[in-house]
Amino acid sequence: MKKLTILFLFFTSIGFAQDIIPTEKNPVKVTPILHGTVVLEYENLTIYVDPYGGAERFSNQKKADIVLITDIHGDHHNQETLDGLDLSQTIIIAPSAVAEKLPTNTYKS
């Protein structure tokens, strides 16, 4: 049972780990959220990459300045998660196949 508890604690903590990557100017903070979803912070810029897994996963994160969606599949372009986030002042960067599926007049251009 002890091994099972340790495995549970390890796997549930993965999503909350952060990496700080030093650069010549300022560090980049990388926060894994779920699957391929990460939040990147550099200076005063916050980037959500492939927001997925529900908006509540981002409740402890700074508001996104940029959202980068890398693919049309649901674990990259997840409209339900996007709809739950305040992206009114956020720039969305996405392939044209994704951009065509985004609601019009919802996001900053």
N, C-alpha and C. Protein backbone atom coordinates (compact mmCIF):
# COMPACT_ATOMS: atom_id res chain seq x y z
N MET A 1 0.82 -1.20 0.00
CA MET A 1 0.00 0.00 0.00
C MET A 1 0.86 1.27 0.00
N LYS A 2 1.99 1.21 0.70
CA LYS A 2 2.87 2.36 0.76
C LYS A 2 3.40 2.72 -0.63
N LYS A 3 3.75 1.72 -1.44
CA LYS A 3 4.24 1.97 -2.79
C LYS A 3 3.16 2.63 -3.63
N LEU A 4 1.92 2.18 -3.47
CA LEU A 4 0.81 2.77 -4.22
C LEU A 4 0.61 4.23 -3.84
N THR A 5 0.72 4.55 -2.57
CA THR A 5 0.58 5.92 -2.10
C THR A 5 1.69 6.80 -2.68
N ILE A 6 2.90 6.29 -2.67
CA ILE A 6 4.03 7.06 -3.22
C ILE A 6 3.83 7.31 -4.71
N LEU A 7 3.41 6.29 -5.46
CA LEU A 7 3.13 6.47 -6.89
C LEU A 7 2.03 7.49 -7.11
N PHE A 8 0.98 7.43 -6.31
CA PHE A 8 -0.12 8.38 -6.44
C PHE A 8 0.39 9.81 -6.21
N LEU A 9 1.15 10.01 -5.17
CA LEU A 9 1.67 11.34 -4.87
C LEU A 9 2.60 11.83 -5.98
N PHE A 10 3.41 10.95 -6.53
CA PHE A 10 4.30 11.34 -7.61
C PHE A 10 3.52 11.78 -8.83
N PHE A 11 2.57 10.97 -9.27
CA PHE A 11 1.84 11.29 -10.49
C PHE A 11 0.88 12.46 -10.33
N THR A 12 0.35 12.70 -9.16
CA THR A 12 -0.52 13.85 -8.98
C THR A 12 0.27 15.14 -8.82
N SER A 13 1.54 15.04 -8.48
CA SER A 13 2.34 16.26 -8.34
C SER A 13 2.99 16.69 -9.65
N ILE A 14 3.01 15.84 -10.64
CA ILE A 14 3.67 16.17 -11.91
C ILE A 14 3.09 17.44 -12.52
N GLY A 15 1.78 17.58 -12.52
CA GLY A 15 1.15 18.73 -13.14
C GLY A 15 1.43 20.04 -12.44
N PHE A 16 2.03 19.99 -11.26
CA PHE A 16 2.28 21.21 -10.50
C PHE A 16 3.76 21.57 -10.46
N ALA A 17 4.59 20.76 -11.08
CA ALA A 17 6.02 21.04 -11.10
C ALA A 17 6.30 22.24 -11.99
N GLN A 18 7.31 22.97 -11.66
CA GLN A 18 7.71 24.12 -12.48
C GLN A 18 9.19 24.02 -12.76
N ASP A 19 9.55 24.50 -13.92
CA ASP A 19 10.96 24.61 -14.26
C ASP A 19 11.28 26.07 -14.47
N ILE A 20 12.41 26.48 -14.02
CA ILE A 20 12.91 27.83 -14.26
C ILE A 20 14.13 27.67 -15.17
N ILE A 21 14.03 28.28 -16.35
CA ILE A 21 15.12 28.19 -17.31
C ILE A 21 15.83 29.54 -17.37
N PRO A 22 17.09 29.59 -16.95
CA PRO A 22 17.80 30.87 -16.97
C PRO A 22 18.12 31.29 -18.41
N THR A 23 18.05 32.58 -18.66
CA THR A 23 18.50 33.16 -19.93
C THR A 23 19.44 34.30 -19.59
N GLU A 24 20.04 34.90 -20.59
CA GLU A 24 20.96 36.02 -20.34
C GLU A 24 20.25 37.20 -19.69
N LYS A 25 18.99 37.40 -20.04
CA LYS A 25 18.26 38.55 -19.53
C LYS A 25 17.45 38.20 -18.28
N ASN A 26 16.42 37.38 -18.43
CA ASN A 26 15.56 36.97 -17.32
C ASN A 26 15.18 35.51 -17.49
N PRO A 27 14.82 34.83 -16.40
CA PRO A 27 14.46 33.42 -16.52
C PRO A 27 13.08 33.23 -17.18
N VAL A 28 12.91 32.05 -17.76
CA VAL A 28 11.62 31.62 -18.30
C VAL A 28 11.06 30.60 -17.33
N LYS A 29 9.83 30.82 -16.91
CA LYS A 29 9.16 29.88 -16.01
C LYS A 29 8.25 29.00 -16.84
N VAL A 30 8.41 27.69 -16.74
CA VAL A 30 7.62 26.72 -17.48
C VAL A 30 6.78 25.92 -16.48
N THR A 31 5.46 26.00 -16.63
CA THR A 31 4.56 25.28 -15.74
C THR A 31 3.73 24.29 -16.56
N PRO A 32 4.00 22.98 -16.43
CA PRO A 32 3.16 21.99 -17.10
C PRO A 32 1.76 21.99 -16.49
N ILE A 33 0.75 21.89 -17.34
CA ILE A 33 -0.63 21.86 -16.87
C ILE A 33 -1.21 20.45 -17.02
N LEU A 34 -1.23 19.95 -18.26
CA LEU A 34 -1.78 18.62 -18.55
C LEU A 34 -1.37 18.23 -19.95
N HIS A 35 -0.95 17.00 -20.13
CA HIS A 35 -0.60 16.48 -21.46
C HIS A 35 0.44 17.41 -22.10
N GLY A 36 0.14 18.04 -23.23
CA GLY A 36 1.08 18.95 -23.88
C GLY A 36 0.84 20.40 -23.52
N THR A 37 0.00 20.66 -22.55
CA THR A 37 -0.37 22.02 -22.17
C THR A 37 0.63 22.57 -21.15
N VAL A 38 1.17 23.75 -21.46
CA VAL A 38 2.10 24.42 -20.55
C VAL A 38 1.79 25.91 -20.51
N VAL A 39 2.21 26.53 -19.43
CA VAL A 39 2.18 27.98 -19.31
C VAL A 39 3.63 28.44 -19.25
N LEU A 40 3.96 29.39 -20.12
CA LEU A 40 5.30 29.97 -20.15
C LEU A 40 5.21 31.41 -19.66
N GLU A 41 6.12 31.79 -18.78
CA GLU A 41 6.18 33.18 -18.32
C GLU A 41 7.60 33.70 -18.54
N TYR A 42 7.66 34.85 -19.19
CA TYR A 42 8.94 35.50 -19.43
C TYR A 42 8.73 37.00 -19.29
N GLU A 43 9.46 37.60 -18.38
CA GLU A 43 9.30 39.02 -18.05
C GLU A 43 7.82 39.27 -17.75
N ASN A 44 7.15 40.14 -18.49
CA ASN A 44 5.74 40.43 -18.23
C ASN A 44 4.80 39.75 -19.22
N LEU A 45 5.25 38.68 -19.83
CA LEU A 45 4.48 37.98 -20.85
C LEU A 45 4.11 36.59 -20.36
N THR A 46 2.83 36.23 -20.51
CA THR A 46 2.35 34.90 -20.16
C THR A 46 1.75 34.26 -21.40
N ILE A 47 2.22 33.06 -21.70
CA ILE A 47 1.78 32.34 -22.89
C ILE A 47 1.20 30.99 -22.47
N TYR A 48 -0.03 30.72 -22.91
CA TYR A 48 -0.62 29.40 -22.73
C TYR A 48 -0.40 28.63 -24.04
N VAL A 49 0.17 27.45 -23.94
CA VAL A 49 0.37 26.60 -25.11
C VAL A 49 -0.65 25.46 -25.04
N ASP A 50 -1.49 25.37 -26.07
CA ASP A 50 -2.50 24.32 -26.19
C ASP A 50 -3.35 24.17 -24.92
N PRO A 51 -4.07 25.23 -24.52
CA PRO A 51 -4.90 25.13 -23.31
C PRO A 51 -5.93 24.00 -23.44
N TYR A 52 -5.86 23.07 -22.51
CA TYR A 52 -6.67 21.85 -22.55
C TYR A 52 -6.91 21.39 -21.13
N GLY A 53 -8.04 20.75 -20.90
CA GLY A 53 -8.30 20.16 -19.59
C GLY A 53 -9.23 20.96 -18.71
N GLY A 54 -9.80 22.04 -19.24
CA GLY A 54 -10.74 22.85 -18.47
C GLY A 54 -10.10 24.12 -17.94
N ALA A 55 -10.88 25.17 -17.93
CA ALA A 55 -10.38 26.48 -17.50
C ALA A 55 -9.93 26.48 -16.04
N GLU A 56 -10.51 25.63 -15.22
CA GLU A 56 -10.15 25.61 -13.80
C GLU A 56 -8.67 25.26 -13.60
N ARG A 57 -8.06 24.58 -14.53
CA ARG A 57 -6.64 24.25 -14.43
C ARG A 57 -5.75 25.50 -14.51
N PHE A 58 -6.32 26.60 -14.99
CA PHE A 58 -5.56 27.84 -15.17
C PHE A 58 -5.90 28.88 -14.10
N SER A 59 -6.69 28.50 -13.12
CA SER A 59 -7.16 29.46 -12.12
C SER A 59 -6.03 30.06 -11.29
N ASN A 60 -4.93 29.36 -11.13
CA ASN A 60 -3.79 29.89 -10.36
C ASN A 60 -2.72 30.50 -11.24
N GLN A 61 -3.02 30.65 -12.53
CA GLN A 61 -2.05 31.20 -13.47
C GLN A 61 -2.38 32.67 -13.78
N LYS A 62 -1.37 33.39 -14.21
CA LYS A 62 -1.61 34.75 -14.68
C LYS A 62 -2.45 34.68 -15.95
N LYS A 63 -3.18 35.75 -16.23
CA LYS A 63 -3.99 35.83 -17.44
C LYS A 63 -3.06 35.77 -18.67
N ALA A 64 -3.50 35.05 -19.70
CA ALA A 64 -2.67 34.86 -20.89
C ALA A 64 -2.61 36.13 -21.74
N ASP A 65 -1.40 36.49 -22.14
CA ASP A 65 -1.20 37.54 -23.14
C ASP A 65 -1.31 36.94 -24.54
N ILE A 66 -0.83 35.71 -24.66
CA ILE A 66 -0.84 34.99 -25.93
C ILE A 66 -1.30 33.56 -25.66
N VAL A 67 -2.13 33.04 -26.57
CA VAL A 67 -2.45 31.62 -26.56
C VAL A 67 -1.94 31.05 -27.87
N LEU A 68 -1.10 30.02 -27.77
CA LEU A 68 -0.56 29.34 -28.93
C LEU A 68 -1.25 27.99 -29.03
N ILE A 69 -1.96 27.78 -30.14
CA ILE A 69 -2.61 26.50 -30.39
C ILE A 69 -1.85 25.85 -31.55
N THR A 70 -1.31 24.67 -31.32
CA THR A 70 -0.40 24.07 -32.28
C THR A 70 -1.05 23.11 -33.27
N ASP A 71 -2.27 22.66 -32.99
CA ASP A 71 -2.88 21.64 -33.84
C ASP A 71 -4.39 21.69 -33.69
N ILE A 72 -5.10 21.08 -34.62
CA ILE A 72 -6.56 21.10 -34.63
C ILE A 72 -7.18 20.05 -33.70
N HIS A 73 -6.42 19.05 -33.29
CA HIS A 73 -6.97 17.99 -32.44
C HIS A 73 -7.39 18.54 -31.08
N GLY A 74 -8.35 17.88 -30.46
CA GLY A 74 -8.97 18.36 -29.23
C GLY A 74 -8.05 18.53 -28.04
N ASP A 75 -6.92 17.85 -28.04
CA ASP A 75 -5.97 18.02 -26.93
C ASP A 75 -5.02 19.19 -27.18
N HIS A 76 -5.25 19.91 -28.27
CA HIS A 76 -4.50 21.13 -28.58
C HIS A 76 -5.47 22.31 -28.72
N HIS A 77 -6.46 22.15 -29.60
CA HIS A 77 -7.53 23.15 -29.73
C HIS A 77 -8.74 22.61 -28.98
N ASN A 78 -8.90 23.06 -27.76
CA ASN A 78 -10.01 22.62 -26.92
C ASN A 78 -10.91 23.82 -26.66
N GLN A 79 -11.96 23.92 -27.45
CA GLN A 79 -12.83 25.10 -27.40
C GLN A 79 -13.50 25.28 -26.05
N GLU A 80 -13.83 24.19 -25.40
CA GLU A 80 -14.47 24.28 -24.08
C GLU A 80 -13.54 24.98 -23.08
N THR A 81 -12.27 24.63 -23.10
CA THR A 81 -11.30 25.28 -22.21
C THR A 81 -11.15 26.75 -22.60
N LEU A 82 -11.01 27.02 -23.89
CA LEU A 82 -10.88 28.42 -24.34
C LEU A 82 -12.08 29.25 -23.93
N ASP A 83 -13.28 28.68 -24.05
CA ASP A 83 -14.51 29.41 -23.69
C ASP A 83 -14.56 29.76 -22.21
N GLY A 84 -13.90 28.99 -21.38
CA GLY A 84 -13.91 29.24 -19.94
C GLY A 84 -12.86 30.23 -19.47
N LEU A 85 -11.98 30.65 -20.37
CA LEU A 85 -10.92 31.60 -20.03
C LEU A 85 -11.28 33.00 -20.52
N ASP A 86 -10.82 34.01 -19.80
CA ASP A 86 -10.99 35.38 -20.27
C ASP A 86 -9.86 35.68 -21.25
N LEU A 87 -10.19 35.61 -22.53
CA LEU A 87 -9.20 35.84 -23.57
C LEU A 87 -9.52 37.10 -24.37
N SER A 88 -10.29 38.00 -23.77
CA SER A 88 -10.74 39.20 -24.48
C SER A 88 -9.58 40.11 -24.89
N GLN A 89 -8.48 40.06 -24.17
CA GLN A 89 -7.31 40.89 -24.49
C GLN A 89 -6.11 40.02 -24.87
N THR A 90 -6.39 38.79 -25.28
CA THR A 90 -5.35 37.81 -25.58
C THR A 90 -5.19 37.64 -27.09
N ILE A 91 -3.98 37.55 -27.53
CA ILE A 91 -3.70 37.27 -28.94
C ILE A 91 -3.66 35.75 -29.11
N ILE A 92 -4.39 35.24 -30.08
CA ILE A 92 -4.41 33.81 -30.38
C ILE A 92 -3.53 33.58 -31.61
N ILE A 93 -2.61 32.65 -31.50
CA ILE A 93 -1.77 32.25 -32.63
C ILE A 93 -2.10 30.78 -32.89
N ALA A 94 -2.53 30.50 -34.13
CA ALA A 94 -2.96 29.14 -34.45
C ALA A 94 -2.84 28.89 -35.95
N PRO A 95 -2.73 27.62 -36.34
CA PRO A 95 -2.75 27.29 -37.76
C PRO A 95 -4.11 27.68 -38.36
N SER A 96 -4.14 27.88 -39.66
CA SER A 96 -5.39 28.31 -40.30
C SER A 96 -6.53 27.31 -40.08
N ALA A 97 -6.24 26.02 -40.01
CA ALA A 97 -7.29 25.03 -39.77
C ALA A 97 -7.96 25.24 -38.41
N VAL A 98 -7.20 25.71 -37.44
CA VAL A 98 -7.76 26.02 -36.11
C VAL A 98 -8.45 27.38 -36.16
N ALA A 99 -7.81 28.36 -36.75
CA ALA A 99 -8.37 29.72 -36.81
C ALA A 99 -9.76 29.72 -37.45
N GLU A 100 -9.96 28.87 -38.44
CA GLU A 100 -11.26 28.78 -39.11
C GLU A 100 -12.35 28.27 -38.18
N LYS A 101 -11.98 27.53 -37.15
CA LYS A 101 -12.96 26.97 -36.22
C LYS A 101 -13.22 27.87 -35.00
N LEU A 102 -12.40 28.88 -34.79
CA LEU A 102 -12.58 29.76 -33.65
C LEU A 102 -13.78 30.67 -33.87
N PRO A 103 -14.54 30.95 -32.82
CA PRO A 103 -15.67 31.87 -32.95
C PRO A 103 -15.20 33.25 -33.43
N THR A 104 -15.91 33.83 -34.36
CA THR A 104 -15.52 35.15 -34.87
C THR A 104 -15.84 36.22 -33.83
N ASN A 105 -15.06 37.29 -33.85
CA ASN A 105 -15.25 38.47 -32.97
C ASN A 105 -15.18 38.13 -31.49
N THR A 106 -14.54 37.04 -31.13
CA THR A 106 -14.42 36.68 -29.72
C THR A 106 -13.05 37.04 -29.17
N TYR A 107 -12.04 36.96 -29.99
CA TYR A 107 -10.68 37.14 -29.55
C TYR A 107 -10.05 38.37 -30.19
N LYS A 108 -9.05 38.89 -29.52
CA LYS A 108 -8.29 40.03 -30.02
C LYS A 108 -7.56 39.62 -31.30
N SER A 109 -7.53 40.50 -32.29
CA SER A 109 -6.82 40.15 -33.51
C SER A 109 -5.55 40.96 -33.66
